[in-house]
């Protein structure tokens, strides 16, 4: 059995997910949580950029 690096639980299989530009292997639950956090961070960054009148992308 494989062990998730995030939650330290034993799982049947690990999923590779890119977090902050790095590929990490974690269980399905942690992968879903990481995807949600990345989406929220991207949306909040977009809102702040629009509020400040920023026209470009990083």
Protein backbone atom coordinates (compact mmCIF):
# COMPACT_ATOMS: atom_id res chain seq x y z
CA UNK A 1 0.00 0.00 0.00
CA UNK A 2 1.12 3.52 -0.76
CA UNK A 3 1.23 6.32 1.80
CA UNK A 4 0.02 9.84 1.08
CA UNK A 5 2.69 12.47 1.82
CA UNK A 6 0.08 15.06 2.84
CA UNK A 7 -2.18 13.19 5.28
CA UNK A 8 0.07 10.17 6.03
CA UNK A 9 -2.80 7.74 5.34
CA UNK A 10 -2.35 4.47 3.49
CA UNK A 11 -4.21 4.47 0.16
CA UNK A 12 -4.61 2.08 -2.76
CA UNK A 13 -3.15 4.48 -5.33
CA UNK A 14 -1.59 7.92 -5.44
CA UNK A 15 -2.46 10.70 -7.90
CA UNK A 16 0.14 13.10 -9.31
CA UNK A 17 -0.93 16.75 -8.99
CA UNK A 18 1.01 19.92 -9.80
CA UNK A 19 1.12 22.25 -6.80
CA UNK A 20 3.03 25.53 -7.16
CA UNK A 21 4.73 24.20 -10.28
CA UNK A 22 5.91 20.98 -8.63
CA UNK A 23 4.39 17.54 -9.17
CA UNK A 24 3.38 15.87 -5.92
CA UNK A 25 1.85 12.47 -5.35
CA UNK A 26 -1.05 12.36 -2.94
CA UNK A 27 -4.36 10.59 -2.34
CA UNK A 28 -7.57 11.56 -4.16
CA UNK A 29 -8.92 13.60 -1.22
CA UNK A 30 -5.74 15.63 -0.80
CA UNK A 31 -5.50 16.11 -4.58
CA UNK A 32 -9.05 17.50 -4.71
CA UNK A 33 -8.28 19.82 -1.80
CA UNK A 34 -5.07 21.04 -3.49
CA UNK A 35 -6.93 21.72 -6.75
CA UNK A 36 -9.62 23.70 -4.92
CA UNK A 37 -7.02 25.75 -3.05
CA UNK A 38 -5.19 26.53 -6.32
CA UNK A 39 -8.44 27.64 -8.00
CA UNK A 40 -9.35 29.88 -5.06
CA UNK A 41 -5.87 31.44 -5.02
CA UNK A 42 -6.03 32.12 -8.75
CA UNK A 43 -9.49 33.72 -8.49
CA UNK A 44 -8.51 35.89 -5.54
CA UNK A 45 -5.36 37.05 -7.34
CA UNK A 46 -7.49 37.96 -10.37
CA UNK A 47 -9.88 39.99 -8.22
CA UNK A 48 -7.04 41.91 -6.58
CA UNK A 49 -5.43 42.60 -9.96
CA UNK A 50 -8.73 43.91 -11.37
CA UNK A 51 -9.22 46.07 -8.30
CA UNK A 52 -5.77 47.62 -8.73
CA UNK A 53 -6.17 48.07 -12.51
CA UNK A 54 -3.41 45.62 -13.44
CA UNK A 55 -3.67 44.76 -17.16
CA UNK A 56 -0.86 42.19 -17.65
CA UNK A 57 -0.21 38.68 -16.39
CA UNK A 58 2.76 37.51 -14.38
